[in-house]
Amino acid sequence: MSVSALVALMGALSIAQVPQVPLFAFESTEAAAGWQAVNDGVMGGVSDGRFRVTEGQTLEFYGTLSLENNGGFASDSFCPRTFFIPH
C-alpha cells in the first residue's frame, strides 16, 4: 500500500468517526424564516430552486437547474435576523 493511499484511508476513518452536529434546528416552518432561495434569475436565468421544512425537521432544497439564458445556479442562503456581538 502506498503512503498516499494509507493517508487517504486514515483520513476517511477519522471523518467517519466524527458525530454529526446540526447547525440549525427546523422544528417548525417558522424556523426557516431567515432562509431565502437565490437563483440565477438575478442574471436572466430560469432555474427554480426552493426549500421546505420536512417532517424529519430538516431543510430540504429542491428545484430545477437550467442552463438557459446562460444561467445555471440555484442556492439557499441564510441571513440571521439578529446578531450576537460580544462586548
N, C-alpha and C. Protein backbone atom coordinates (compact mmCIF):
# COMPACT_ATOMS: atom_id res chain seq x y z
N MET A 1 0.85 -1.18 0.00
CA MET A 1 0.00 0.00 0.00
C MET A 1 0.89 1.23 0.00
N SER A 2 0.58 2.17 -0.87
CA SER A 2 1.39 3.38 -0.94
C SER A 2 1.06 4.30 0.23
N VAL A 3 1.96 5.24 0.49
CA VAL A 3 1.78 6.18 1.60
C VAL A 3 0.54 7.04 1.37
N SER A 4 0.33 7.53 0.14
CA SER A 4 -0.82 8.40 -0.11
C SER A 4 -2.13 7.66 0.08
N ALA A 5 -2.20 6.37 -0.32
CA ALA A 5 -3.41 5.59 -0.12
C ALA A 5 -3.66 5.36 1.37
N LEU A 6 -2.60 5.14 2.13
CA LEU A 6 -2.72 4.94 3.56
C LEU A 6 -3.22 6.20 4.25
N VAL A 7 -2.67 7.34 3.86
CA VAL A 7 -3.11 8.62 4.43
C VAL A 7 -4.58 8.88 4.10
N ALA A 8 -4.97 8.60 2.87
CA ALA A 8 -6.37 8.79 2.47
C ALA A 8 -7.28 7.88 3.28
N LEU A 9 -6.88 6.64 3.48
CA LEU A 9 -7.67 5.70 4.26
C LEU A 9 -7.78 6.16 5.71
N MET A 10 -6.70 6.63 6.29
CA MET A 10 -6.72 7.11 7.67
C MET A 10 -7.62 8.34 7.79
N GLY A 11 -7.57 9.22 6.80
CA GLY A 11 -8.43 10.40 6.82
C GLY A 11 -9.89 10.02 6.74
N ALA A 12 -10.23 9.05 5.90
CA ALA A 12 -11.62 8.60 5.77
C ALA A 12 -12.11 7.99 7.07
N LEU A 13 -11.26 7.24 7.75
CA LEU A 13 -11.66 6.64 9.01
C LEU A 13 -11.89 7.69 10.09
N SER A 14 -11.04 8.70 10.14
CA SER A 14 -11.21 9.73 11.18
C SER A 14 -12.45 10.57 10.92
N ILE A 15 -12.80 10.81 9.66
CA ILE A 15 -14.00 11.58 9.34
C ILE A 15 -15.24 10.77 9.70
N ALA A 16 -15.22 9.49 9.43
CA ALA A 16 -16.38 8.63 9.68
C ALA A 16 -16.72 8.55 11.17
N GLN A 17 -15.76 8.78 12.05
CA GLN A 17 -15.99 8.65 13.47
C GLN A 17 -16.48 9.93 14.13
N VAL A 18 -16.50 11.03 13.41
CA VAL A 18 -16.92 12.30 13.97
C VAL A 18 -18.44 12.37 13.97
N PRO A 19 -19.08 12.61 15.12
CA PRO A 19 -20.54 12.69 15.14
C PRO A 19 -21.03 13.93 14.40
N GLN A 20 -22.16 13.81 13.75
CA GLN A 20 -22.75 14.95 13.06
C GLN A 20 -23.47 15.83 14.07
N VAL A 21 -23.25 17.13 13.96
CA VAL A 21 -23.86 18.09 14.85
C VAL A 21 -24.69 19.06 14.01
N PRO A 22 -26.00 19.10 14.22
CA PRO A 22 -26.82 20.02 13.42
C PRO A 22 -26.47 21.47 13.73
N LEU A 23 -26.42 22.28 12.69
CA LEU A 23 -26.14 23.71 12.86
C LEU A 23 -27.42 24.51 13.04
N PHE A 24 -28.51 24.00 12.52
CA PHE A 24 -29.80 24.69 12.61
C PHE A 24 -30.87 23.68 13.00
N ALA A 25 -31.86 24.14 13.76
CA ALA A 25 -32.99 23.30 14.14
C ALA A 25 -34.23 23.77 13.38
N PHE A 26 -34.86 22.87 12.67
CA PHE A 26 -36.06 23.21 11.91
C PHE A 26 -37.26 22.49 12.52
N GLU A 27 -37.61 22.89 13.73
CA GLU A 27 -38.69 22.25 14.46
C GLU A 27 -40.06 22.73 14.00
N SER A 28 -40.10 23.82 13.23
CA SER A 28 -41.36 24.33 12.69
C SER A 28 -41.06 25.08 11.40
N THR A 29 -42.11 25.41 10.65
CA THR A 29 -41.89 26.14 9.40
C THR A 29 -41.36 27.55 9.68
N GLU A 30 -41.65 28.11 10.84
CA GLU A 30 -41.13 29.42 11.19
C GLU A 30 -39.61 29.42 11.35
N ALA A 31 -39.05 28.25 11.61
CA ALA A 31 -37.60 28.15 11.78
C ALA A 31 -36.85 28.46 10.49
N ALA A 32 -37.53 28.42 9.36
CA ALA A 32 -36.90 28.70 8.07
C ALA A 32 -37.04 30.17 7.68
N ALA A 33 -37.51 31.00 8.60
CA ALA A 33 -37.77 32.42 8.27
C ALA A 33 -36.53 33.18 7.82
N GLY A 34 -35.36 32.82 8.28
CA GLY A 34 -34.15 33.53 7.90
C GLY A 34 -33.52 33.03 6.60
N TRP A 35 -34.12 32.03 5.98
CA TRP A 35 -33.58 31.43 4.76
C TRP A 35 -34.26 32.01 3.53
N GLN A 36 -33.53 32.08 2.44
CA GLN A 36 -34.11 32.53 1.18
C GLN A 36 -33.45 31.80 0.01
N ALA A 37 -34.24 31.57 -1.03
CA ALA A 37 -33.71 30.96 -2.25
C ALA A 37 -33.06 32.05 -3.09
N VAL A 38 -31.89 31.75 -3.64
CA VAL A 38 -31.18 32.67 -4.54
C VAL A 38 -30.92 31.90 -5.82
N ASN A 39 -31.56 32.31 -6.90
CA ASN A 39 -31.46 31.59 -8.16
C ASN A 39 -30.86 32.49 -9.24
N ASP A 40 -30.58 31.89 -10.38
CA ASP A 40 -29.94 32.63 -11.47
C ASP A 40 -30.85 33.65 -12.14
N GLY A 41 -32.09 33.78 -11.69
CA GLY A 41 -32.98 34.80 -12.23
C GLY A 41 -32.43 36.20 -12.05
N VAL A 42 -31.55 36.38 -11.08
CA VAL A 42 -30.93 37.69 -10.88
C VAL A 42 -30.02 38.06 -12.04
N MET A 43 -29.69 37.05 -12.89
CA MET A 43 -28.83 37.29 -14.05
C MET A 43 -29.52 36.87 -15.35
N GLY A 44 -30.84 36.73 -15.33
CA GLY A 44 -31.57 36.37 -16.53
C GLY A 44 -31.82 34.89 -16.72
N GLY A 45 -31.37 34.05 -15.81
CA GLY A 45 -31.58 32.61 -15.91
C GLY A 45 -32.99 32.22 -15.51
N VAL A 46 -33.30 30.94 -15.70
CA VAL A 46 -34.65 30.46 -15.40
C VAL A 46 -34.66 29.27 -14.43
N SER A 47 -33.58 29.07 -13.69
CA SER A 47 -33.55 27.99 -12.70
C SER A 47 -34.55 28.30 -11.59
N ASP A 48 -35.04 27.23 -10.96
CA ASP A 48 -36.07 27.37 -9.93
C ASP A 48 -35.68 26.54 -8.72
N GLY A 49 -35.04 27.13 -7.74
CA GLY A 49 -34.67 26.44 -6.51
C GLY A 49 -35.59 26.89 -5.39
N ARG A 50 -36.02 25.94 -4.60
CA ARG A 50 -36.92 26.22 -3.45
C ARG A 50 -36.47 25.39 -2.26
N PHE A 51 -37.09 25.63 -1.11
CA PHE A 51 -36.81 24.82 0.06
C PHE A 51 -38.07 24.67 0.88
N ARG A 52 -38.06 23.65 1.72
CA ARG A 52 -39.18 23.39 2.63
C ARG A 52 -38.66 22.68 3.86
N VAL A 53 -39.38 22.83 4.95
CA VAL A 53 -39.07 22.11 6.19
C VAL A 53 -39.77 20.76 6.10
N THR A 54 -39.01 19.68 6.28
CA THR A 54 -39.56 18.33 6.17
C THR A 54 -40.12 17.84 7.50
N GLU A 55 -40.83 16.72 7.44
CA GLU A 55 -41.32 16.09 8.67
C GLU A 55 -40.18 15.64 9.57
N GLY A 56 -39.01 15.38 8.97
CA GLY A 56 -37.84 14.98 9.74
C GLY A 56 -37.08 16.16 10.33
N GLN A 57 -37.68 17.35 10.27
CA GLN A 57 -37.12 18.59 10.83
C GLN A 57 -35.79 18.96 10.19
N THR A 58 -35.71 18.81 8.85
CA THR A 58 -34.56 19.25 8.09
C THR A 58 -35.04 20.25 7.04
N LEU A 59 -34.13 21.02 6.50
CA LEU A 59 -34.45 21.93 5.41
C LEU A 59 -34.07 21.23 4.11
N GLU A 60 -35.05 20.99 3.26
CA GLU A 60 -34.82 20.28 2.00
C GLU A 60 -34.80 21.28 0.85
N PHE A 61 -33.73 21.26 0.09
CA PHE A 61 -33.59 22.12 -1.08
C PHE A 61 -33.96 21.29 -2.31
N TYR A 62 -34.80 21.85 -3.17
CA TYR A 62 -35.22 21.14 -4.37
C TYR A 62 -35.50 22.14 -5.48
N GLY A 63 -35.64 21.67 -6.69
CA GLY A 63 -35.96 22.55 -7.79
C GLY A 63 -35.43 22.04 -9.11
N THR A 64 -35.33 22.96 -10.06
CA THR A 64 -34.87 22.64 -11.41
C THR A 64 -33.74 23.58 -11.78
N LEU A 65 -32.64 23.00 -12.20
CA LEU A 65 -31.49 23.78 -12.63
C LEU A 65 -31.52 23.86 -14.16
N SER A 66 -31.40 25.06 -14.70
CA SER A 66 -31.45 25.26 -16.15
C SER A 66 -30.24 26.06 -16.62
N LEU A 67 -29.74 25.69 -17.78
CA LEU A 67 -28.63 26.43 -18.39
C LEU A 67 -29.12 27.46 -19.40
N GLU A 68 -30.44 27.58 -19.56
CA GLU A 68 -30.99 28.57 -20.49
C GLU A 68 -30.58 29.98 -20.10
N ASN A 69 -30.43 30.84 -21.08
CA ASN A 69 -30.07 32.25 -20.86
C ASN A 69 -28.77 32.42 -20.09
N ASN A 70 -27.85 31.48 -20.26
CA ASN A 70 -26.56 31.49 -19.57
C ASN A 70 -26.70 31.42 -18.05
N GLY A 71 -27.77 30.80 -17.59
CA GLY A 71 -27.96 30.62 -16.16
C GLY A 71 -27.26 29.35 -15.71
N GLY A 72 -27.67 28.84 -14.58
CA GLY A 72 -27.10 27.58 -14.12
C GLY A 72 -26.78 27.53 -12.64
N PHE A 73 -27.47 28.32 -11.81
CA PHE A 73 -27.25 28.14 -10.37
C PHE A 73 -28.55 28.34 -9.61
N ALA A 74 -28.65 27.63 -8.53
CA ALA A 74 -29.76 27.74 -7.60
C ALA A 74 -29.18 27.44 -6.22
N SER A 75 -29.55 28.23 -5.24
CA SER A 75 -28.96 28.04 -3.91
C SER A 75 -29.90 28.56 -2.84
N ASP A 76 -29.57 28.26 -1.62
CA ASP A 76 -30.24 28.81 -0.44
C ASP A 76 -29.20 29.59 0.34
N SER A 77 -29.63 30.64 0.98
CA SER A 77 -28.72 31.37 1.86
C SER A 77 -29.46 31.73 3.15
N PHE A 78 -28.69 31.97 4.17
CA PHE A 78 -29.26 32.27 5.48
C PHE A 78 -28.80 33.64 5.92
N CYS A 79 -29.73 34.44 6.36
CA CYS A 79 -29.42 35.76 6.90
C CYS A 79 -30.09 35.86 8.28
N PRO A 80 -29.31 35.78 9.32
CA PRO A 80 -29.90 35.83 10.66
C PRO A 80 -30.60 37.15 10.92
N ARG A 81 -31.69 37.07 11.65
CA ARG A 81 -32.44 38.29 11.99
C ARG A 81 -31.75 39.10 13.09
N THR A 82 -31.00 38.43 13.94
CA THR A 82 -30.27 39.12 15.00
C THR A 82 -28.84 38.59 15.01
N PHE A 83 -27.93 39.42 15.42
CA PHE A 83 -26.54 39.02 15.51
C PHE A 83 -26.09 39.13 16.96
N PHE A 84 -25.27 38.18 17.38
CA PHE A 84 -24.68 38.24 18.70
C PHE A 84 -23.31 38.87 18.57
N ILE A 85 -23.14 40.01 19.17
CA ILE A 85 -21.84 40.70 19.15
C ILE A 85 -21.41 40.85 20.59
N PRO A 86 -20.36 40.11 21.00
CA PRO A 86 -19.92 40.19 22.39
C PRO A 86 -19.34 41.58 22.69
N HIS A 87 -19.50 41.99 23.93
CA HIS A 87 -18.97 43.31 24.36
C HIS A 87 -17.50 43.27 24.56
